[in-house]
Amino acid sequence: MEEKVIAELFAKGYDCSQVVVSHYAAKLGVSEETANKAAACFGGGMLMADTCGAFTGALMAVGLKYGHFDPDMLQEQKSIMMAKSGEFRKRFFEKHPTCNCRELLGHDVSAPEGFKAAVETGRMMSFCPKLVKEVIEVLDEIL
């Protein structure tokens, strides 16, 4: 997915978590609507400038693909899911020192003034689409 497309989705009001999960919706067997609804509370660092929405969206995608659910295979499935999510986390932290939205962006987007500053400085539209693109590229290899 290109940064320009990601930025256009942000401009429409979608959050980073939604862009990541909905990008894989069909591949993961869910509708875009369901993907967007499930990921809605995770953008902007879970709406608290906490854990990055692209990061949590990636983990949701891994869970939808590899999550454990079958009572007869729980441990086997859980082991696969843990390995895949661990691979994602490892690769994320190789490029970024944190998964905290506030620290990654340099602004507390949960506060109106912080959100305004992130937008006005251009940081949100320069950094976040690149990060979402990077997360999707990693997931393309993991999923």
N, C-alpha and C. Protein backbone atom coordinates (compact mmCIF):
# COMPACT_ATOMS: atom_id res chain seq x y z
N MET A 1 0.85 -1.17 0.00
CA MET A 1 0.00 0.00 0.00
C MET A 1 0.90 1.24 0.00
N GLU A 2 0.59 2.17 -0.84
CA GLU A 2 1.40 3.38 -0.97
C GLU A 2 1.06 4.40 0.13
N GLU A 3 2.07 5.19 0.51
CA GLU A 3 1.87 6.22 1.52
C GLU A 3 0.76 7.18 1.14
N LYS A 4 0.68 7.51 -0.15
CA LYS A 4 -0.35 8.45 -0.61
C LYS A 4 -1.75 7.90 -0.32
N VAL A 5 -1.96 6.62 -0.57
CA VAL A 5 -3.26 5.98 -0.31
C VAL A 5 -3.54 5.98 1.19
N ILE A 6 -2.53 5.68 1.98
CA ILE A 6 -2.68 5.68 3.44
C ILE A 6 -3.04 7.07 3.92
N ALA A 7 -2.35 8.10 3.42
CA ALA A 7 -2.65 9.48 3.81
C ALA A 7 -4.07 9.86 3.41
N GLU A 8 -4.53 9.39 2.26
CA GLU A 8 -5.91 9.67 1.82
C GLU A 8 -6.91 9.03 2.77
N LEU A 9 -6.62 7.83 3.23
CA LEU A 9 -7.50 7.16 4.20
C LEU A 9 -7.52 7.92 5.52
N PHE A 10 -6.36 8.40 5.96
CA PHE A 10 -6.29 9.22 7.18
C PHE A 10 -7.15 10.47 7.00
N ALA A 11 -7.03 11.12 5.85
CA ALA A 11 -7.77 12.35 5.59
C ALA A 11 -9.28 12.11 5.62
N LYS A 12 -9.70 10.90 5.28
CA LYS A 12 -11.12 10.55 5.33
C LYS A 12 -11.58 10.29 6.77
N GLY A 13 -10.64 10.08 7.68
CA GLY A 13 -10.99 9.84 9.07
C GLY A 13 -10.63 8.48 9.62
N TYR A 14 -10.06 7.61 8.77
CA TYR A 14 -9.63 6.30 9.27
C TYR A 14 -8.35 6.46 10.08
N ASP A 15 -8.20 5.61 11.07
CA ASP A 15 -7.01 5.62 11.91
C ASP A 15 -6.01 4.57 11.44
N CYS A 16 -4.79 4.68 11.93
CA CYS A 16 -3.71 3.78 11.52
C CYS A 16 -4.07 2.31 11.76
N SER A 17 -4.67 2.01 12.90
CA SER A 17 -5.05 0.63 13.20
C SER A 17 -6.06 0.12 12.19
N GLN A 18 -7.00 0.96 11.81
CA GLN A 18 -8.03 0.57 10.84
C GLN A 18 -7.42 0.33 9.46
N VAL A 19 -6.50 1.18 9.07
CA VAL A 19 -5.87 1.02 7.75
C VAL A 19 -5.14 -0.32 7.69
N VAL A 20 -4.42 -0.65 8.74
CA VAL A 20 -3.67 -1.92 8.75
C VAL A 20 -4.62 -3.11 8.70
N VAL A 21 -5.59 -3.18 9.60
CA VAL A 21 -6.45 -4.36 9.67
C VAL A 21 -7.34 -4.46 8.43
N SER A 22 -7.91 -3.36 7.98
CA SER A 22 -8.80 -3.44 6.82
C SER A 22 -8.04 -3.78 5.54
N HIS A 23 -6.76 -3.45 5.49
CA HIS A 23 -5.94 -3.81 4.33
C HIS A 23 -5.93 -5.33 4.13
N TYR A 24 -6.00 -6.07 5.22
CA TYR A 24 -5.94 -7.54 5.17
C TYR A 24 -7.30 -8.20 5.35
N ALA A 25 -8.36 -7.42 5.42
CA ALA A 25 -9.68 -7.97 5.75
C ALA A 25 -10.05 -9.19 4.90
N ALA A 26 -10.01 -9.05 3.59
CA ALA A 26 -10.42 -10.16 2.72
C ALA A 26 -9.53 -11.38 2.93
N LYS A 27 -8.24 -11.14 3.04
CA LYS A 27 -7.28 -12.23 3.24
C LYS A 27 -7.51 -12.94 4.58
N LEU A 28 -8.04 -12.21 5.54
CA LEU A 28 -8.25 -12.77 6.87
C LEU A 28 -9.68 -13.27 7.09
N GLY A 29 -10.50 -13.15 6.05
CA GLY A 29 -11.85 -13.69 6.12
C GLY A 29 -12.85 -12.84 6.88
N VAL A 30 -12.59 -11.54 6.95
CA VAL A 30 -13.56 -10.63 7.58
C VAL A 30 -13.88 -9.51 6.60
N SER A 31 -15.01 -8.87 6.80
CA SER A 31 -15.37 -7.75 5.94
C SER A 31 -14.56 -6.51 6.32
N GLU A 32 -14.46 -5.57 5.41
CA GLU A 32 -13.78 -4.31 5.74
C GLU A 32 -14.51 -3.60 6.88
N GLU A 33 -15.83 -3.70 6.88
CA GLU A 33 -16.60 -3.07 7.95
C GLU A 33 -16.22 -3.66 9.30
N THR A 34 -16.18 -4.98 9.39
CA THR A 34 -15.80 -5.63 10.64
C THR A 34 -14.38 -5.28 11.04
N ALA A 35 -13.47 -5.28 10.08
CA ALA A 35 -12.07 -4.92 10.36
C ALA A 35 -11.99 -3.50 10.91
N ASN A 36 -12.68 -2.58 10.27
CA ASN A 36 -12.65 -1.18 10.72
C ASN A 36 -13.29 -1.00 12.09
N LYS A 37 -14.38 -1.71 12.33
CA LYS A 37 -15.03 -1.62 13.64
C LYS A 37 -14.13 -2.19 14.73
N ALA A 38 -13.53 -3.36 14.47
CA ALA A 38 -12.68 -4.01 15.48
C ALA A 38 -11.47 -3.15 15.83
N ALA A 39 -10.94 -2.45 14.84
CA ALA A 39 -9.73 -1.66 15.03
C ALA A 39 -10.01 -0.21 15.45
N ALA A 40 -11.28 0.19 15.49
CA ALA A 40 -11.63 1.59 15.69
C ALA A 40 -11.12 2.21 16.98
N CYS A 41 -11.04 1.48 18.03
CA CYS A 41 -10.62 2.05 19.33
C CYS A 41 -9.11 2.04 19.53
N PHE A 42 -8.36 1.65 18.51
CA PHE A 42 -6.92 1.49 18.69
C PHE A 42 -6.09 2.56 18.01
N GLY A 43 -6.70 3.39 17.17
CA GLY A 43 -5.97 4.48 16.53
C GLY A 43 -5.55 5.52 17.56
N GLY A 44 -4.55 6.30 17.20
CA GLY A 44 -4.08 7.33 18.13
C GLY A 44 -3.58 6.74 19.43
N GLY A 45 -2.97 5.56 19.34
CA GLY A 45 -2.45 4.93 20.55
C GLY A 45 -3.55 4.54 21.51
N MET A 46 -4.55 3.82 20.99
CA MET A 46 -5.71 3.38 21.76
C MET A 46 -6.48 4.59 22.29
N LEU A 47 -6.49 5.67 21.48
CA LEU A 47 -7.17 6.93 21.79
C LEU A 47 -6.58 7.62 23.02
N MET A 48 -5.36 7.19 23.42
CA MET A 48 -4.72 7.75 24.61
C MET A 48 -3.26 8.12 24.34
N ALA A 49 -2.87 8.10 23.06
CA ALA A 49 -1.47 8.33 22.68
C ALA A 49 -0.56 7.30 23.36
N ASP A 50 -1.05 6.10 23.51
CA ASP A 50 -0.30 5.03 24.16
C ASP A 50 0.26 4.10 23.08
N THR A 51 -0.07 2.83 23.06
CA THR A 51 0.50 1.91 22.09
C THR A 51 0.03 2.26 20.68
N CYS A 52 0.98 2.42 19.78
CA CYS A 52 0.76 2.83 18.40
C CYS A 52 -0.33 1.98 17.73
N GLY A 53 -1.25 2.64 17.04
CA GLY A 53 -2.33 1.95 16.36
C GLY A 53 -1.87 1.03 15.24
N ALA A 54 -0.82 1.43 14.52
CA ALA A 54 -0.29 0.54 13.48
C ALA A 54 0.24 -0.73 14.11
N PHE A 55 0.86 -0.61 15.26
CA PHE A 55 1.40 -1.75 16.01
C PHE A 55 0.27 -2.66 16.48
N THR A 56 -0.76 -2.08 17.11
CA THR A 56 -1.86 -2.91 17.60
C THR A 56 -2.66 -3.49 16.42
N GLY A 57 -2.79 -2.73 15.34
CA GLY A 57 -3.47 -3.25 14.15
C GLY A 57 -2.75 -4.46 13.59
N ALA A 58 -1.43 -4.40 13.59
CA ALA A 58 -0.64 -5.53 13.11
C ALA A 58 -0.87 -6.76 13.98
N LEU A 59 -0.91 -6.58 15.28
CA LEU A 59 -1.13 -7.71 16.17
C LEU A 59 -2.55 -8.26 16.00
N MET A 60 -3.52 -7.39 15.73
CA MET A 60 -4.88 -7.88 15.45
C MET A 60 -4.88 -8.74 14.19
N ALA A 61 -4.17 -8.29 13.16
CA ALA A 61 -4.10 -9.07 11.91
C ALA A 61 -3.43 -10.42 12.15
N VAL A 62 -2.37 -10.43 12.92
CA VAL A 62 -1.70 -11.70 13.25
C VAL A 62 -2.66 -12.61 14.02
N GLY A 63 -3.41 -12.03 14.97
CA GLY A 63 -4.37 -12.82 15.73
C GLY A 63 -5.48 -13.38 14.86
N LEU A 64 -5.97 -12.57 13.92
CA LEU A 64 -7.02 -13.06 13.02
C LEU A 64 -6.52 -14.20 12.14
N LYS A 65 -5.26 -14.16 11.78
CA LYS A 65 -4.69 -15.21 10.92
C LYS A 65 -4.27 -16.44 11.72
N TYR A 66 -3.60 -16.22 12.84
CA TYR A 66 -2.96 -17.32 13.56
C TYR A 66 -3.46 -17.53 14.99
N GLY A 67 -4.46 -16.78 15.40
CA GLY A 67 -4.93 -16.88 16.79
C GLY A 67 -5.47 -18.25 17.15
N HIS A 68 -5.30 -18.62 18.40
CA HIS A 68 -5.73 -19.93 18.88
C HIS A 68 -7.22 -19.89 19.23
N PHE A 69 -7.92 -20.94 18.77
CA PHE A 69 -9.36 -21.00 18.99
C PHE A 69 -9.89 -22.43 19.06
N ASP A 70 -9.22 -23.36 18.43
CA ASP A 70 -9.68 -24.75 18.35
C ASP A 70 -9.30 -25.47 19.64
N PRO A 71 -10.30 -25.92 20.42
CA PRO A 71 -9.99 -26.56 21.70
C PRO A 71 -9.05 -27.76 21.59
N ASP A 72 -9.04 -28.41 20.44
CA ASP A 72 -8.18 -29.59 20.26
C ASP A 72 -6.75 -29.22 19.87
N MET A 73 -6.53 -27.97 19.52
CA MET A 73 -5.20 -27.56 19.04
C MET A 73 -4.73 -26.25 19.68
N LEU A 74 -5.26 -25.90 20.83
CA LEU A 74 -4.96 -24.60 21.43
C LEU A 74 -3.47 -24.34 21.59
N GLN A 75 -2.75 -25.27 22.15
CA GLN A 75 -1.33 -25.04 22.42
C GLN A 75 -0.52 -24.92 21.13
N GLU A 76 -0.83 -25.76 20.16
CA GLU A 76 -0.13 -25.69 18.87
C GLU A 76 -0.42 -24.35 18.18
N GLN A 77 -1.69 -23.97 18.15
CA GLN A 77 -2.06 -22.70 17.53
C GLN A 77 -1.44 -21.53 18.28
N LYS A 78 -1.47 -21.59 19.60
CA LYS A 78 -0.91 -20.50 20.41
C LYS A 78 0.59 -20.35 20.16
N SER A 79 1.28 -21.45 20.01
CA SER A 79 2.72 -21.40 19.72
C SER A 79 3.00 -20.72 18.40
N ILE A 80 2.20 -21.03 17.38
CA ILE A 80 2.37 -20.39 16.07
C ILE A 80 2.07 -18.90 16.17
N MET A 81 0.97 -18.56 16.83
CA MET A 81 0.60 -17.16 17.00
C MET A 81 1.68 -16.38 17.75
N MET A 82 2.20 -16.98 18.80
CA MET A 82 3.24 -16.30 19.57
C MET A 82 4.50 -16.09 18.75
N ALA A 83 4.86 -17.07 17.93
CA ALA A 83 6.03 -16.93 17.07
C ALA A 83 5.82 -15.83 16.03
N LYS A 84 4.66 -15.79 15.42
CA LYS A 84 4.38 -14.78 14.39
C LYS A 84 4.31 -13.38 15.00
N SER A 85 3.65 -13.25 16.13
CA SER A 85 3.58 -11.93 16.78
C SER A 85 4.95 -11.51 17.29
N GLY A 86 5.72 -12.48 17.76
CA GLY A 86 7.08 -12.18 18.20
C GLY A 86 7.96 -11.72 17.05
N GLU A 87 7.79 -12.34 15.90
CA GLU A 87 8.55 -11.92 14.71
C GLU A 87 8.19 -10.49 14.34
N PHE A 88 6.89 -10.17 14.38
CA PHE A 88 6.49 -8.80 14.07
C PHE A 88 7.11 -7.83 15.07
N ARG A 89 6.98 -8.09 16.36
CA ARG A 89 7.52 -7.19 17.38
C ARG A 89 9.03 -7.01 17.22
N LYS A 90 9.73 -8.09 16.98
CA LYS A 90 11.18 -8.01 16.80
C LYS A 90 11.53 -7.08 15.66
N ARG A 91 10.86 -7.25 14.53
CA ARG A 91 11.16 -6.44 13.36
C ARG A 91 10.76 -4.98 13.57
N PHE A 92 9.68 -4.74 14.29
CA PHE A 92 9.27 -3.36 14.59
C PHE A 92 10.33 -2.68 15.45
N PHE A 93 10.75 -3.37 16.50
CA PHE A 93 11.70 -2.76 17.43
C PHE A 93 13.13 -2.68 16.87
N GLU A 94 13.40 -3.35 15.80
CA GLU A 94 14.69 -3.17 15.12
C GLU A 94 14.76 -1.78 14.48
N LYS A 95 13.61 -1.21 14.14
CA LYS A 95 13.57 0.09 13.48
C LYS A 95 13.13 1.22 14.39
N HIS A 96 12.44 0.89 15.48
CA HIS A 96 11.89 1.92 16.36
C HIS A 96 12.19 1.57 17.81
N PRO A 97 12.56 2.57 18.61
CA PRO A 97 12.91 2.30 20.00
C PRO A 97 11.70 2.05 20.90
N THR A 98 10.51 2.35 20.40
CA THR A 98 9.30 2.24 21.21
C THR A 98 8.11 1.97 20.30
N CYS A 99 7.02 1.53 20.90
CA CYS A 99 5.75 1.42 20.16
C CYS A 99 4.74 2.40 20.75
N ASN A 100 5.21 3.34 21.54
CA ASN A 100 4.36 4.35 22.16
C ASN A 100 4.08 5.47 21.17
N CYS A 101 2.82 5.70 20.87
CA CYS A 101 2.40 6.70 19.91
C CYS A 101 2.96 8.09 20.25
N ARG A 102 2.82 8.49 21.49
CA ARG A 102 3.27 9.81 21.94
C ARG A 102 4.76 9.99 21.68
N GLU A 103 5.54 8.96 21.97
CA GLU A 103 6.98 9.04 21.77
C GLU A 103 7.36 8.97 20.30
N LEU A 104 6.67 8.12 19.54
CA LEU A 104 6.96 8.01 18.11
C LEU A 104 6.66 9.32 17.38
N LEU A 105 5.51 9.92 17.71
CA LEU A 105 5.07 11.14 17.03
C LEU A 105 5.70 12.40 17.62
N GLY A 106 6.01 12.34 18.89
CA GLY A 106 6.51 13.55 19.54
C GLY A 106 5.39 14.49 19.96
N HIS A 107 4.16 13.99 19.94
CA HIS A 107 2.99 14.78 20.33
C HIS A 107 1.99 13.86 21.03
N ASP A 108 1.28 14.40 21.99
CA ASP A 108 0.23 13.65 22.67
C ASP A 108 -1.07 13.89 21.92
N VAL A 109 -1.37 13.00 20.97
CA VAL A 109 -2.55 13.19 20.12
C VAL A 109 -3.86 12.91 20.84
N SER A 110 -3.81 12.48 22.10
CA SER A 110 -5.04 12.29 22.86
C SER A 110 -5.55 13.62 23.41
N ALA A 111 -4.70 14.61 23.45
CA ALA A 111 -5.08 15.95 23.90
C ALA A 111 -5.32 16.83 22.68
N PRO A 112 -6.37 17.63 22.69
CA PRO A 112 -6.67 18.47 21.51
C PRO A 112 -5.49 19.30 21.03
N GLU A 113 -4.75 19.88 21.94
CA GLU A 113 -3.61 20.71 21.54
C GLU A 113 -2.47 19.87 20.95
N GLY A 114 -2.30 18.66 21.46
CA GLY A 114 -1.28 17.76 20.93
C GLY A 114 -1.64 17.27 19.54
N PHE A 115 -2.91 16.94 19.34
CA PHE A 115 -3.39 16.52 18.02
C PHE A 115 -3.21 17.66 17.02
N LYS A 116 -3.61 18.84 17.44
CA LYS A 116 -3.49 20.02 16.57
C LYS A 116 -2.03 20.25 16.19
N ALA A 117 -1.12 20.13 17.15
CA ALA A 117 0.31 20.33 16.88
C ALA A 117 0.84 19.26 15.92
N ALA A 118 0.42 18.01 16.11
CA ALA A 118 0.87 16.92 15.23
C ALA A 118 0.42 17.17 13.80
N VAL A 119 -0.78 17.71 13.63
CA VAL A 119 -1.30 18.01 12.30
C VAL A 119 -0.61 19.25 11.72
N GLU A 120 -0.56 20.32 12.51
CA GLU A 120 -0.01 21.60 12.01
C GLU A 120 1.47 21.51 11.67
N THR A 121 2.22 20.72 12.40
CA THR A 121 3.65 20.58 12.10
C THR A 121 3.89 19.64 10.92
N GLY A 122 2.84 18.92 10.52
CA GLY A 122 2.97 17.95 9.43
C GLY A 122 3.49 16.60 9.88
N ARG A 123 3.80 16.47 11.15
CA ARG A 123 4.38 15.23 11.66
C ARG A 123 3.43 14.04 11.46
N MET A 124 2.15 14.24 11.72
CA MET A 124 1.22 13.13 11.62
C MET A 124 1.13 12.62 10.18
N MET A 125 1.07 13.51 9.22
CA MET A 125 0.91 13.08 7.83
C MET A 125 2.24 12.74 7.16
N SER A 126 3.34 13.06 7.80
CA SER A 126 4.63 12.65 7.24
C SER A 126 5.12 11.35 7.88
N PHE A 127 4.93 11.20 9.18
CA PHE A 127 5.43 10.02 9.88
C PHE A 127 4.47 8.83 9.82
N CYS A 128 3.22 9.05 10.14
CA CYS A 128 2.28 7.94 10.29
C CYS A 128 2.06 7.13 9.01
N PRO A 129 1.86 7.76 7.85
CA PRO A 129 1.72 6.94 6.64
C PRO A 129 2.95 6.09 6.34
N LYS A 130 4.13 6.62 6.62
CA LYS A 130 5.36 5.84 6.42
C LYS A 130 5.39 4.64 7.37
N LEU A 131 5.00 4.87 8.60
CA LEU A 131 5.00 3.79 9.59
C LEU A 131 3.97 2.72 9.22
N VAL A 132 2.79 3.13 8.81
CA VAL A 132 1.76 2.17 8.41
C VAL A 132 2.24 1.36 7.20
N LYS A 133 2.85 2.02 6.24
CA LYS A 133 3.39 1.32 5.06
C LYS A 133 4.43 0.29 5.48
N GLU A 134 5.31 0.69 6.38
CA GLU A 134 6.35 -0.20 6.88
C GLU A 134 5.74 -1.41 7.59
N VAL A 135 4.74 -1.18 8.43
CA VAL A 135 4.07 -2.26 9.15
C VAL A 135 3.41 -3.23 8.16
N ILE A 136 2.76 -2.69 7.15
CA ILE A 136 2.11 -3.54 6.14
C ILE A 136 3.15 -4.36 5.38
N GLU A 137 4.29 -3.77 5.07
CA GLU A 137 5.34 -4.52 4.37
C GLU A 137 5.85 -5.68 5.21
N VAL A 138 5.99 -5.48 6.52
CA VAL A 138 6.41 -6.55 7.42
C VAL A 138 5.32 -7.62 7.48
N LEU A 139 4.07 -7.19 7.62
CA LEU A 139 2.97 -8.16 7.67
C LEU A 139 2.83 -8.95 6.38
N ASP A 140 3.13 -8.33 5.25
CA ASP A 140 3.07 -9.06 3.98
C ASP A 140 3.97 -10.29 4.03
N GLU A 141 5.06 -10.20 4.74
CA GLU A 141 5.98 -11.33 4.85
C GLU A 141 5.57 -12.32 5.93
N ILE A 142 4.93 -11.83 6.97
CA ILE A 142 4.57 -12.68 8.10
C ILE A 142 3.26 -13.43 7.86
N LEU A 143 2.29 -12.76 7.26
CA LEU A 143 0.96 -13.38 7.10
C LEU A 143 0.99 -14.36 5.98
